Amino acid sequence: MAKGNLSGMTVEALMDLRERVDGLLSERRAELEQQLERMGVIGGRRVVRGGGSALKGKKVPPKYRSRSGETWAGRGAKPRWLVAAIKGGKKLDDFLIDKSARKGRRKKRRSKR
């Protein structure tokens, strides 16, 4: 497309230019969408099969317990009761649950054959 002085163009010429630009942009968009489909991207998100963390959604036994019985497994943000206790002068280690007292279930692993 040739470079031109837009201020010197007529309204009809500007409208024609706009239609040509819109047409070129829509063609380019269609090409890019086809490329994304071939790459496995749908709706702006990449489709991944079999990925993700092995720990996501798994329950773990609690590591910390308050005197009132509230527990926290040590994952994610600290609960409010723990933050308040730490601000009050306590240490995180004060709330540790003894490993022998934890009631975590462990699954037996099967050999892969």
PDB file of N, CA and C in Angstrom:
ATOM      1  N   MET A   1       0.849  -1.164   0.000  1.00  0.00           N
ATOM      2  CA  MET A   1       0.000   0.000   0.000  1.00  0.00           C
ATOM      3  C   MET A   1       0.897   1.230   0.000  1.00  0.00           C
ATOM      4  N   ALA A   2       0.622   2.190  -0.846  1.00  0.00           N
ATOM      5  CA  ALA A   2       1.449   3.381  -0.967  1.00  0.00           C
ATOM      6  C   ALA A   2       1.171   4.334   0.182  1.00  0.00           C
ATOM      7  N   LYS A   3       2.218   5.012   0.621  1.00  0.00           N
ATOM      8  CA  LYS A   3       2.051   6.008   1.666  1.00  0.00           C
ATOM      9  C   LYS A   3       1.448   7.253   1.042  1.00  0.00           C
ATOM     10  N   GLY A   4       0.542   7.903   1.734  1.00  0.00           N
ATOM     11  CA  GLY A   4      -0.092   9.092   1.198  1.00  0.00           C
ATOM     12  C   GLY A   4      -0.380  10.086   2.303  1.00  0.00           C
ATOM     13  N   ASN A   5      -0.692  11.281   1.906  1.00  0.00           N
ATOM     14  CA  ASN A   5      -1.036  12.321   2.839  1.00  0.00           C
ATOM     15  C   ASN A   5      -2.533  12.222   3.106  1.00  0.00           C
ATOM     16  N   LEU A   6      -2.922  11.835   4.309  1.00  0.00           N
ATOM     17  CA  LEU A   6      -4.326  11.625   4.625  1.00  0.00           C
ATOM     18  C   LEU A   6      -5.109  12.928   4.629  1.00  0.00           C
ATOM     19  N   SER A   7      -4.471  14.003   5.015  1.00  0.00           N
ATOM     20  CA  SER A   7      -5.198  15.272   5.074  1.00  0.00           C
ATOM     21  C   SER A   7      -5.565  15.786   3.689  1.00  0.00           C
ATOM     22  N   GLY A   8      -4.873  15.357   2.654  1.00  0.00           N
ATOM     23  CA  GLY A   8      -5.175  15.795   1.299  1.00  0.00           C
ATOM     24  C   GLY A   8      -6.155  14.904   0.582  1.00  0.00           C
ATOM     25  N   MET A   9      -6.630  13.829   1.233  1.00  0.00           N
ATOM     26  CA  MET A   9      -7.537  12.892   0.567  1.00  0.00           C
ATOM     27  C   MET A   9      -8.983  13.318   0.767  1.00  0.00           C
ATOM     28  N   THR A  10      -9.816  12.934  -0.175  1.00  0.00           N
ATOM     29  CA  THR A  10     -11.251  13.226  -0.060  1.00  0.00           C
ATOM     30  C   THR A  10     -11.884  12.228   0.905  1.00  0.00           C
ATOM     31  N   VAL A  11     -13.103  12.558   1.301  1.00  0.00           N
ATOM     32  CA  VAL A  11     -13.833  11.673   2.224  1.00  0.00           C
ATOM     33  C   VAL A  11     -14.053  10.305   1.580  1.00  0.00           C
ATOM     34  N   GLU A  12     -14.394  10.289   0.307  1.00  0.00           N
ATOM     35  CA  GLU A  12     -14.631   9.019  -0.383  1.00  0.00           C
ATOM     36  C   GLU A  12     -13.352   8.185  -0.437  1.00  0.00           C
ATOM     37  N   ALA A  13     -12.222   8.836  -0.688  1.00  0.00           N
ATOM     38  CA  ALA A  13     -10.951   8.117  -0.743  1.00  0.00           C
ATOM     39  C   ALA A  13     -10.578   7.573   0.632  1.00  0.00           C
ATOM     40  N   LEU A  14     -10.856   8.365   1.674  1.00  0.00           N
ATOM     41  CA  LEU A  14     -10.582   7.887   3.039  1.00  0.00           C
ATOM     42  C   LEU A  14     -11.461   6.688   3.387  1.00  0.00           C
ATOM     43  N   MET A  15     -12.722   6.724   2.986  1.00  0.00           N
ATOM     44  CA  MET A  15     -13.629   5.598   3.259  1.00  0.00           C
ATOM     45  C   MET A  15     -13.177   4.353   2.503  1.00  0.00           C
ATOM     46  N   ASP A  16     -12.720   4.533   1.280  1.00  0.00           N
ATOM     47  CA  ASP A  16     -12.209   3.411   0.488  1.00  0.00           C
ATOM     48  C   ASP A  16     -10.962   2.819   1.151  1.00  0.00           C
ATOM     49  N   LEU A  17     -10.090   3.689   1.615  1.00  0.00           N
ATOM     50  CA  LEU A  17      -8.882   3.234   2.307  1.00  0.00           C
ATOM     51  C   LEU A  17      -9.229   2.457   3.572  1.00  0.00           C
ATOM     52  N   ARG A  18     -10.214   2.966   4.287  1.00  0.00           N
ATOM     53  CA  ARG A  18     -10.642   2.292   5.520  1.00  0.00           C
ATOM     54  C   ARG A  18     -11.176   0.892   5.223  1.00  0.00           C
ATOM     55  N   GLU A  19     -11.963   0.750   4.162  1.00  0.00           N
ATOM     56  CA  GLU A  19     -12.504  -0.561   3.795  1.00  0.00           C
ATOM     57  C   GLU A  19     -11.396  -1.532   3.411  1.00  0.00           C
ATOM     58  N   ARG A  20     -10.388  -1.037   2.684  1.00  0.00           N
ATOM     59  CA  ARG A  20      -9.265  -1.910   2.307  1.00  0.00           C
ATOM     60  C   ARG A  20      -8.473  -2.349   3.529  1.00  0.00           C
ATOM     61  N   VAL A  21      -8.249  -1.422   4.469  1.00  0.00           N
ATOM     62  CA  VAL A  21      -7.516  -1.766   5.700  1.00  0.00           C
ATOM     63  C   VAL A  21      -8.309  -2.781   6.510  1.00  0.00           C
ATOM     64  N   ASP A  22      -9.623  -2.563   6.640  1.00  0.00           N
ATOM     65  CA  ASP A  22     -10.464  -3.526   7.373  1.00  0.00           C
ATOM     66  C   ASP A  22     -10.409  -4.907   6.736  1.00  0.00           C
ATOM     67  N   GLY A  23     -10.447  -4.958   5.399  1.00  0.00           N
ATOM     68  CA  GLY A  23     -10.375  -6.239   4.701  1.00  0.00           C
ATOM     69  C   GLY A  23      -9.058  -6.946   4.946  1.00  0.00           C
ATOM     70  N   LEU A  24      -7.946  -6.200   4.878  1.00  0.00           N
ATOM     71  CA  LEU A  24      -6.633  -6.801   5.122  1.00  0.00           C
ATOM     72  C   LEU A  24      -6.509  -7.289   6.567  1.00  0.00           C
ATOM     73  N   LEU A  25      -7.038  -6.511   7.502  1.00  0.00           N
ATOM     74  CA  LEU A  25      -6.970  -6.919   8.914  1.00  0.00           C
ATOM     75  C   LEU A  25      -7.796  -8.184   9.168  1.00  0.00           C
ATOM     76  N   SER A  26      -8.971  -8.268   8.568  1.00  0.00           N
ATOM     77  CA  SER A  26      -9.794  -9.466   8.793  1.00  0.00           C
ATOM     78  C   SER A  26      -9.148 -10.699   8.147  1.00  0.00           C
ATOM     79  N   GLU A  27      -8.496 -10.526   6.986  1.00  0.00           N
ATOM     80  CA  GLU A  27      -7.777 -11.653   6.382  1.00  0.00           C
ATOM     81  C   GLU A  27      -6.644 -12.122   7.282  1.00  0.00           C
ATOM     82  N   ARG A  28      -5.893 -11.177   7.802  1.00  0.00           N
ATOM     83  CA  ARG A  28      -4.760 -11.516   8.687  1.00  0.00           C
ATOM     84  C   ARG A  28      -5.257 -12.199   9.962  1.00  0.00           C
ATOM     85  N   ARG A  29      -6.377 -11.708  10.493  1.00  0.00           N
ATOM     86  CA  ARG A  29      -6.944 -12.317  11.700  1.00  0.00           C
ATOM     87  C   ARG A  29      -7.335 -13.773  11.434  1.00  0.00           C
ATOM     88  N   ALA A  30      -7.957 -14.019  10.270  1.00  0.00           N
ATOM     89  CA  ALA A  30      -8.359 -15.388   9.926  1.00  0.00           C
ATOM     90  C   ALA A  30      -7.134 -16.294   9.813  1.00  0.00           C
ATOM     91  N   GLU A  31      -6.050 -15.780   9.212  1.00  0.00           N
ATOM     92  CA  GLU A  31      -4.819 -16.573   9.112  1.00  0.00           C
ATOM     93  C   GLU A  31      -4.265 -16.916  10.488  1.00  0.00           C
ATOM     94  N   LEU A  32      -4.247 -15.914  11.377  1.00  0.00           N
ATOM     95  CA  LEU A  32      -3.713 -16.148  12.726  1.00  0.00           C
ATOM     96  C   LEU A  32      -4.581 -17.128  13.511  1.00  0.00           C
ATOM     97  N   GLU A  33      -5.903 -17.036  13.359  1.00  0.00           N
ATOM     98  CA  GLU A  33      -6.792 -17.967  14.053  1.00  0.00           C
ATOM     99  C   GLU A  33      -6.579 -19.396  13.563  1.00  0.00           C
ATOM    100  N   GLN A  34      -6.338 -19.555  12.256  1.00  0.00           N
ATOM    101  CA  GLN A  34      -6.058 -20.896  11.727  1.00  0.00           C
ATOM    102  C   GLN A  34      -4.756 -21.436  12.305  1.00  0.00           C
ATOM    103  N   GLN A  35      -3.752 -20.591  12.422  1.00  0.00           N
ATOM    104  CA  GLN A  35      -2.481 -21.023  13.004  1.00  0.00           C
ATOM    105  C   GLN A  35      -2.668 -21.441  14.459  1.00  0.00           C
ATOM    106  N   LEU A  36      -3.460 -20.666  15.209  1.00  0.00           N
ATOM    107  CA  LEU A  36      -3.709 -21.005  16.609  1.00  0.00           C
ATOM    108  C   LEU A  36      -4.450 -22.338  16.730  1.00  0.00           C
ATOM    109  N   GLU A  37      -5.409 -22.569  15.842  1.00  0.00           N
ATOM    110  CA  GLU A  37      -6.138 -23.843  15.874  1.00  0.00           C
ATOM    111  C   GLU A  37      -5.199 -25.010  15.620  1.00  0.00           C
ATOM    112  N   ARG A  38      -4.266 -24.828  14.676  1.00  0.00           N
ATOM    113  CA  ARG A  38      -3.309 -25.897  14.398  1.00  0.00           C
ATOM    114  C   ARG A  38      -2.386 -26.134  15.583  1.00  0.00           C
ATOM    115  N   MET A  39      -2.126 -25.096  16.364  1.00  0.00           N
ATOM    116  CA  MET A  39      -1.246 -25.227  17.533  1.00  0.00           C
ATOM    117  C   MET A  39      -1.984 -25.785  18.748  1.00  0.00           C
ATOM    118  N   GLY A  40      -3.300 -25.889  18.679  1.00  0.00           N
ATOM    119  CA  GLY A  40      -4.061 -26.434  19.793  1.00  0.00           C
ATOM    120  C   GLY A  40      -4.566 -25.378  20.749  1.00  0.00           C
ATOM    121  N   VAL A  41      -4.628 -24.137  20.325  1.00  0.00           N
ATOM    122  CA  VAL A  41      -5.140 -23.067  21.172  1.00  0.00           C
ATOM    123  C   VAL A  41      -6.587 -22.832  20.800  1.00  0.00           C
ATOM    124  N   ILE A  42      -7.467 -22.903  21.818  1.00  0.00           N
ATOM    125  CA  ILE A  42      -8.894 -22.729  21.575  1.00  0.00           C
ATOM    126  C   ILE A  42      -9.398 -21.616  22.488  1.00  0.00           C
ATOM    127  N   GLY A  43     -10.035 -20.625  21.910  1.00  0.00           N
ATOM    128  CA  GLY A  43     -10.607 -19.540  22.699  1.00  0.00           C
ATOM    129  C   GLY A  43      -9.573 -18.739  23.464  1.00  0.00           C
ATOM    130  N   GLY A  44      -8.376 -18.633  22.954  1.00  0.00           N
ATOM    131  CA  GLY A  44      -7.339 -17.864  23.624  1.00  0.00           C
ATOM    132  C   GLY A  44      -6.592 -18.651  24.692  1.00  0.00           C
ATOM    133  N   ARG A  45      -6.979 -19.892  24.906  1.00  0.00           N
ATOM    134  CA  ARG A  45      -6.314 -20.718  25.923  1.00  0.00           C
ATOM    135  C   ARG A  45      -5.741 -21.956  25.269  1.00  0.00           C
ATOM    136  N   ARG A  46      -4.565 -22.311  25.670  1.00  0.00           N
ATOM    137  CA  ARG A  46      -3.910 -23.482  25.111  1.00  0.00           C
ATOM    138  C   ARG A  46      -4.477 -24.736  25.776  1.00  0.00           C
ATOM    139  N   VAL A  47      -4.798 -25.715  24.985  1.00  0.00           N
ATOM    140  CA  VAL A  47      -5.340 -26.970  25.488  1.00  0.00           C
ATOM    141  C   VAL A  47      -4.171 -27.894  25.806  1.00  0.00           C
ATOM    142  N   VAL A  48      -4.060 -28.279  27.075  1.00  0.00           N
ATOM    143  CA  VAL A  48      -2.975 -29.157  27.505  1.00  0.00           C
ATOM    144  C   VAL A  48      -3.613 -30.425  28.054  1.00  0.00           C
ATOM    145  N   ARG A  49      -3.173 -31.528  27.544  1.00  0.00           N
ATOM    146  CA  ARG A  49      -3.712 -32.808  28.020  1.00  0.00           C
ATOM    147  C   ARG A  49      -2.677 -33.510  28.869  1.00  0.00           C
ATOM    148  N   GLY A  50      -3.104 -33.952  30.027  1.00  0.00           N
ATOM    149  CA  GLY A  50      -2.214 -34.715  30.896  1.00  0.00           C
ATOM    150  C   GLY A  50      -1.246 -33.852  31.684  1.00  0.00           C
ATOM    151  N   GLY A  51      -1.396 -32.543  31.622  1.00  0.00           N
ATOM    152  CA  GLY A  51      -0.481 -31.653  32.337  1.00  0.00           C
ATOM    153  C   GLY A  51      -1.013 -31.345  33.722  1.00  0.00           C
ATOM    154  N   GLY A  52      -0.376 -30.416  34.373  1.00  0.00           N
ATOM    155  CA  GLY A  52      -0.818 -29.999  35.696  1.00  0.00           C
ATOM    156  C   GLY A  52       0.021 -30.634  36.779  1.00  0.00           C
ATOM    157  N   SER A  53      -0.159 -30.157  37.949  1.00  0.00           N
ATOM    158  CA  SER A  53       0.600 -30.641  39.085  1.00  0.00           C
ATOM    159  C   SER A  53       0.019 -31.952  39.600  1.00  0.00           C
ATOM    160  N   ALA A  54       0.884 -32.831  40.013  1.00  0.00           N
ATOM    161  CA  ALA A  54       0.431 -34.110  40.570  1.00  0.00           C
ATOM    162  C   ALA A  54      -0.161 -33.907  41.962  1.00  0.00           C
ATOM    163  N   LEU A  55       0.161 -32.788  42.613  1.00  0.00           N
ATOM    164  CA  LEU A  55      -0.322 -32.542  43.969  1.00  0.00           C
ATOM    165  C   LEU A  55      -1.635 -31.768  44.009  1.00  0.00           C
ATOM    166  N   LYS A  56      -2.060 -31.204  42.885  1.00  0.00           N
ATOM    167  CA  LYS A  56      -3.255 -30.384  42.871  1.00  0.00           C
ATOM    168  C   LYS A  56      -4.477 -31.211  43.251  1.00  0.00           C
ATOM    169  N   GLY A  57      -5.203 -30.732  44.243  1.00  0.00           N
ATOM    170  CA  GLY A  57      -6.412 -31.405  44.691  1.00  0.00           C
ATOM    171  C   GLY A  57      -6.183 -32.512  45.694  1.00  0.00           C
ATOM    172  N   LYS A  58      -4.946 -32.795  46.028  1.00  0.00           N
ATOM    173  CA  LYS A  58      -4.653 -33.854  46.992  1.00  0.00           C
ATOM    174  C   LYS A  58      -4.814 -33.316  48.409  1.00  0.00           C
ATOM    175  N   LYS A  59      -5.400 -34.092  49.266  1.00  0.00           N
ATOM    176  CA  LYS A  59      -5.527 -33.741  50.670  1.00  0.00           C
ATOM    177  C   LYS A  59      -4.255 -34.160  51.386  1.00  0.00           C
ATOM    178  N   VAL A  60      -3.783 -33.295  52.263  1.00  0.00           N
ATOM    179  CA  VAL A  60      -2.601 -33.614  53.052  1.00  0.00           C
ATOM    180  C   VAL A  60      -2.960 -33.446  54.517  1.00  0.00           C
ATOM    181  N   PRO A  61      -2.305 -34.180  55.378  1.00  0.00           N
ATOM    182  CA  PRO A  61      -2.609 -34.056  56.797  1.00  0.00           C
ATOM    183  C   PRO A  61      -2.162 -32.692  57.324  1.00  0.00           C
ATOM    184  N   PRO A  62      -2.824 -32.187  58.347  1.00  0.00           N
ATOM    185  CA  PRO A  62      -2.456 -30.877  58.892  1.00  0.00           C
ATOM    186  C   PRO A  62      -1.089 -30.900  59.558  1.00  0.00           C
ATOM    187  N   LYS A  63      -0.363 -29.788  59.461  1.00  0.00           N
ATOM    188  CA  LYS A  63       0.941 -29.637  60.105  1.00  0.00           C
ATOM    189  C   LYS A  63       0.864 -28.768  61.351  1.00  0.00           C
ATOM    190  N   TYR A  64      -0.136 -27.879  61.369  1.00  0.00           N
ATOM    191  CA  TYR A  64      -0.239 -26.913  62.462  1.00  0.00           C
ATOM    192  C   TYR A  64      -1.636 -26.969  63.059  1.00  0.00           C
ATOM    193  N   ARG A  65      -1.709 -26.797  64.394  1.00  0.00           N
ATOM    194  CA  ARG A  65      -2.997 -26.823  65.090  1.00  0.00           C
ATOM    195  C   ARG A  65      -3.003 -25.760  66.175  1.00  0.00           C
ATOM    196  N   SER A  66      -4.135 -25.054  66.267  1.00  0.00           N
ATOM    197  CA  SER A  66      -4.281 -24.063  67.336  1.00  0.00           C
ATOM    198  C   SER A  66      -4.828 -24.757  68.581  1.00  0.00           C
ATOM    199  N   ARG A  67      -4.855 -24.031  69.678  1.00  0.00           N
ATOM    200  CA  ARG A  67      -5.396 -24.615  70.916  1.00  0.00           C
ATOM    201  C   ARG A  67      -6.889 -24.869  70.808  1.00  0.00           C
ATOM    202  N   SER A  68      -7.554 -24.099  69.952  1.00  0.00           N
ATOM    203  CA  SER A  68      -8.999 -24.280  69.794  1.00  0.00           C
ATOM    204  C   SER A  68      -9.331 -25.398  68.796  1.00  0.00           C
ATOM    205  N   GLY A  69      -8.302 -26.016  68.215  1.00  0.00           N
ATOM    206  CA  GLY A  69      -8.520 -27.153  67.329  1.00  0.00           C
ATOM    207  C   GLY A  69      -8.485 -26.835  65.848  1.00  0.00           C
ATOM    208  N   GLU A  70      -8.298 -25.584  65.481  1.00  0.00           N
ATOM    209  CA  GLU A  70      -8.217 -25.237  64.068  1.00  0.00           C
ATOM    210  C   GLU A  70      -6.901 -25.754  63.506  1.00  0.00           C
ATOM    211  N   THR A  71      -6.929 -26.225  62.266  1.00  0.00           N
ATOM    212  CA  THR A  71      -5.721 -26.806  61.672  1.00  0.00           C
ATOM    213  C   THR A  71      -5.386 -26.134  60.354  1.00  0.00           C
ATOM    214  N   TRP A  72      -4.123 -26.306  59.959  1.00  0.00           N
ATOM    215  CA  TRP A  72      -3.636 -25.812  58.677  1.00  0.00           C
ATOM    216  C   TRP A  72      -2.580 -26.787  58.195  1.00  0.00           C
ATOM    217  N   ALA A  73      -2.630 -27.131  56.901  1.00  0.00           N
ATOM    218  CA  ALA A  73      -1.709 -28.109  56.345  1.00  0.00           C
ATOM    219  C   ALA A  73      -0.382 -27.488  55.918  1.00  0.00           C
ATOM    220  N   GLY A  74      -0.273 -26.165  55.965  1.00  0.00           N
ATOM    221  CA  GLY A  74       0.960 -25.514  55.565  1.00  0.00           C
ATOM    222  C   GLY A  74       0.973 -25.138  54.100  1.00  0.00           C
ATOM    223  N   ARG A  75      -0.150 -25.298  53.426  1.00  0.00           N
ATOM    224  CA  ARG A  75      -0.267 -24.937  52.011  1.00  0.00           C
ATOM    225  C   ARG A  75      -1.107 -23.672  51.872  1.00  0.00           C
ATOM    226  N   GLY A  76      -0.760 -22.876  50.889  1.00  0.00           N
ATOM    227  CA  GLY A  76      -1.541 -21.672  50.622  1.00  0.00           C
ATOM    228  C   GLY A  76      -1.278 -20.589  51.645  1.00  0.00           C
ATOM    229  N   ALA A  77      -2.191 -19.625  51.698  1.00  0.00           N
ATOM    230  CA  ALA A  77      -2.044 -18.498  52.617  1.00  0.00           C
ATOM    231  C   ALA A  77      -2.257 -18.955  54.053  1.00  0.00           C
ATOM    232  N   LYS A  78      -1.580 -18.292  54.973  1.00  0.00           N
ATOM    233  CA  LYS A  78      -1.749 -18.625  56.394  1.00  0.00           C
ATOM    234  C   LYS A  78      -3.155 -18.235  56.834  1.00  0.00           C
ATOM    235  N   PRO A  79      -3.793 -19.076  57.627  1.00  0.00           N
ATOM    236  CA  PRO A  79      -5.138 -18.741  58.089  1.00  0.00           C
ATOM    237  C   PRO A  79      -5.106 -17.577  59.080  1.00  0.00           C
ATOM    238  N   ARG A  80      -6.236 -16.938  59.230  1.00  0.00           N
ATOM    239  CA  ARG A  80      -6.325 -15.748  60.088  1.00  0.00           C
ATOM    240  C   ARG A  80      -5.934 -16.034  61.525  1.00  0.00           C
ATOM    241  N   TRP A  81      -6.335 -17.190  62.042  1.00  0.00           N
ATOM    242  CA  TRP A  81      -6.018 -17.491  63.431  1.00  0.00           C
ATOM    243  C   TRP A  81      -4.514 -17.588  63.640  1.00  0.00           C
ATOM    244  N   LEU A  82      -3.791 -18.091  62.658  1.00  0.00           N
ATOM    245  CA  LEU A  82      -2.346 -18.235  62.758  1.00  0.00           C
ATOM    246  C   LEU A  82      -1.648 -16.879  62.621  1.00  0.00           C
ATOM    247  N   VAL A  83      -2.122 -16.064  61.688  1.00  0.00           N
ATOM    248  CA  VAL A  83      -1.538 -14.732  61.512  1.00  0.00           C
ATOM    249  C   VAL A  83      -1.720 -13.910  62.786  1.00  0.00           C
ATOM    250  N   ALA A  84      -2.916 -13.975  63.381  1.00  0.00           N
ATOM    251  CA  ALA A  84      -3.182 -13.224  64.612  1.00  0.00           C
ATOM    252  C   ALA A  84      -2.291 -13.704  65.749  1.00  0.00           C
ATOM    253  N   ALA A  85      -2.085 -15.013  65.841  1.00  0.00           N
ATOM    254  CA  ALA A  85      -1.245 -15.556  66.911  1.00  0.00           C
ATOM    255  C   ALA A  85       0.215 -15.143  66.729  1.00  0.00           C
ATOM    256  N   ILE A  86       0.685 -15.129  65.491  1.00  0.00           N
ATOM    257  CA  ILE A  86       2.067 -14.723  65.226  1.00  0.00           C
ATOM    258  C   ILE A  86       2.249 -13.243  65.543  1.00  0.00           C
ATOM    259  N   LYS A  87       1.250 -12.426  65.201  1.00  0.00           N
ATOM    260  CA  LYS A  87       1.318 -11.000  65.550  1.00  0.00           C
ATOM    261  C   LYS A  87       1.302 -10.811  67.055  1.00  0.00           C
ATOM    262  N   GLY A  88       0.686 -11.731  67.769  1.00  0.00           N
ATOM    263  CA  GLY A  88       0.614 -11.673  69.235  1.00  0.00           C
ATOM    264  C   GLY A  88       1.880 -12.149  69.918  1.00  0.00           C
ATOM    265  N   GLY A  89       2.887 -12.557  69.156  1.00  0.00           N
ATOM    266  CA  GLY A  89       4.155 -12.941  69.749  1.00  0.00           C
ATOM    267  C   GLY A  89       4.488 -14.417  69.679  1.00  0.00           C
ATOM    268  N   LYS A  90       3.566 -15.225  69.198  1.00  0.00           N
ATOM    269  CA  LYS A  90       3.837 -16.664  69.078  1.00  0.00           C
ATOM    270  C   LYS A  90       4.729 -16.927  67.875  1.00  0.00           C
ATOM    271  N   LYS A  91       5.304 -18.123  67.846  1.00  0.00           N
ATOM    272  CA  LYS A  91       6.114 -18.546  66.708  1.00  0.00           C
ATOM    273  C   LYS A  91       5.382 -19.655  65.971  1.00  0.00           C
ATOM    274  N   LEU A  92       5.697 -19.785  64.689  1.00  0.00           N
ATOM    275  CA  LEU A  92       5.050 -20.802  63.870  1.00  0.00           C
ATOM    276  C   LEU A  92       5.311 -22.198  64.432  1.00  0.00           C
ATOM    277  N   ASP A  93       6.508 -22.411  64.958  1.00  0.00           N
ATOM    278  CA  ASP A  93       6.859 -23.717  65.519  1.00  0.00           C
ATOM    279  C   ASP A  93       6.024 -24.080  66.744  1.00  0.00           C
ATOM    280  N   ASP A  94       5.432 -23.082  67.399  1.00  0.00           N
ATOM    281  CA  ASP A  94       4.588 -23.353  68.565  1.00  0.00           C
ATOM    282  C   ASP A  94       3.336 -24.134  68.188  1.00  0.00           C
ATOM    283  N   PHE A  95       2.942 -24.082  66.930  1.00  0.00           N
ATOM    284  CA  PHE A  95       1.710 -24.721  66.489  1.00  0.00           C
ATOM    285  C   PHE A  95       1.950 -26.020  65.730  1.00  0.00           C
ATOM    286  N   LEU A  96       3.192 -26.449  65.594  1.00  0.00           N
ATOM    287  CA  LEU A  96       3.495 -27.689  64.882  1.00  0.00           C
ATOM    288  C   LEU A  96       2.846 -28.881  65.567  1.00  0.00           C
ATOM    289  N   ILE A  97       2.298 -29.765  64.762  1.00  0.00           N
ATOM    290  CA  ILE A  97       1.721 -31.002  65.271  1.00  0.00           C
ATOM    291  C   ILE A  97       2.831 -32.046  65.237  1.00  0.00           C
ATOM    292  N   ASP A  98       2.950 -32.828  66.295  1.00  0.00           N
ATOM    293  CA  ASP A  98       3.961 -33.888  66.352  1.00  0.00           C
ATOM    294  C   ASP A  98       3.690 -34.876  65.220  1.00  0.00           C
ATOM    295  N   LYS A  99       4.733 -35.246  64.482  1.00  0.00           N
ATOM    296  CA  LYS A  99       4.564 -36.137  63.335  1.00  0.00           C
ATOM    297  C   LYS A  99       3.932 -37.469  63.720  1.00  0.00           C
ATOM    298  N   SER A 100       4.241 -37.971  64.887  1.00  0.00           N
ATOM    299  CA  SER A 100       3.685 -39.264  65.297  1.00  0.00           C
ATOM    300  C   SER A 100       2.194 -39.152  65.592  1.00  0.00           C
ATOM    301  N   ALA A 101       1.710 -37.943  65.864  1.00  0.00           N
ATOM    302  CA  ALA A 101       0.299 -37.763  66.194  1.00  0.00           C
ATOM    303  C   ALA A 101      -0.551 -37.493  64.958  1.00  0.00           C
ATOM    304  N   ARG A 102       0.060 -37.222  63.829  1.00  0.00           N
ATOM    305  CA  ARG A 102      -0.710 -36.934  62.620  1.00  0.00           C
ATOM    306  C   ARG A 102      -1.481 -38.157  62.173  1.00  0.00           C
ATOM    307  N   LYS A 103      -2.640 -37.912  61.635  1.00  0.00           N
ATOM    308  CA  LYS A 103      -3.492 -39.015  61.199  1.00  0.00           C
ATOM    309  C   LYS A 103      -3.578 -39.061  59.685  1.00  0.00           C
ATOM    310  N   GLY A 104      -2.477 -38.902  59.021  1.00  0.00           N
ATOM    311  CA  GLY A 104      -2.477 -38.919  57.562  1.00  0.00           C
ATOM    312  C   GLY A 104      -2.540 -40.333  57.030  1.00  0.00           C
ATOM    313  N   ARG A 105      -3.401 -40.547  56.066  1.00  0.00           N
ATOM    314  CA  ARG A 105      -3.493 -41.861  55.441  1.00  0.00           C
ATOM    315  C   ARG A 105      -2.500 -41.923  54.308  1.00  0.00           C
ATOM    316  N   ARG A 106      -1.754 -42.969  54.249  1.00  0.00           N
ATOM    317  CA  ARG A 106      -0.820 -43.156  53.145  1.00  0.00           C
ATOM    318  C   ARG A 106      -1.291 -44.340  52.326  1.00  0.00           C
ATOM    319  N   LYS A 107      -1.342 -44.119  51.037  1.00  0.00           N
ATOM    320  CA  LYS A 107      -1.751 -45.200  50.146  1.00  0.00           C
ATOM    321  C   LYS A 107      -0.536 -46.031  49.791  1.00  0.00           C
ATOM    322  N   LYS A 108      -0.762 -47.320  49.692  1.00  0.00           N
ATOM    323  CA  LYS A 108       0.320 -48.197  49.280  1.00  0.00           C
ATOM    324  C   LYS A 108       0.531 -48.048  47.795  1.00  0.00           C
ATOM    325  N   ARG A 109       1.786 -47.989  47.401  1.00  0.00           N
ATOM    326  CA  ARG A 109       2.096 -47.840  45.994  1.00  0.00           C
ATOM    327  C   ARG A 109       2.142 -49.208  45.322  1.00  0.00           C
ATOM    328  N   ARG A 110       1.547 -49.258  44.158  1.00  0.00           N
ATOM    329  CA  ARG A 110       1.593 -50.481  43.381  1.00  0.00           C
ATOM    330  C   ARG A 110       2.723 -50.390  42.387  1.00  0.00           C
ATOM    331  N   SER A 111       3.329 -51.510  42.123  1.00  0.00           N
ATOM    332  CA  SER A 111       4.393 -51.500  41.116  1.00  0.00           C
ATOM    333  C   SER A 111       3.747 -51.387  39.732  1.00  0.00           C
ATOM    334  N   LYS A 112       4.397 -50.629  38.878  1.00  0.00           N
ATOM    335  CA  LYS A 112       3.870 -50.458  37.512  1.00  0.00           C
ATOM    336  C   LYS A 112       4.427 -51.565  36.615  1.00  0.00           C
ATOM    337  N   ARG A 113       3.536 -52.401  36.166  1.00  0.00           N
ATOM    338  CA  ARG A 113       3.921 -53.488  35.269  1.00  0.00           C
ATOM    339  C   ARG A 113       3.071 -53.508  34.068  1.00  0.00           C
TER     340      ARG A 113
END
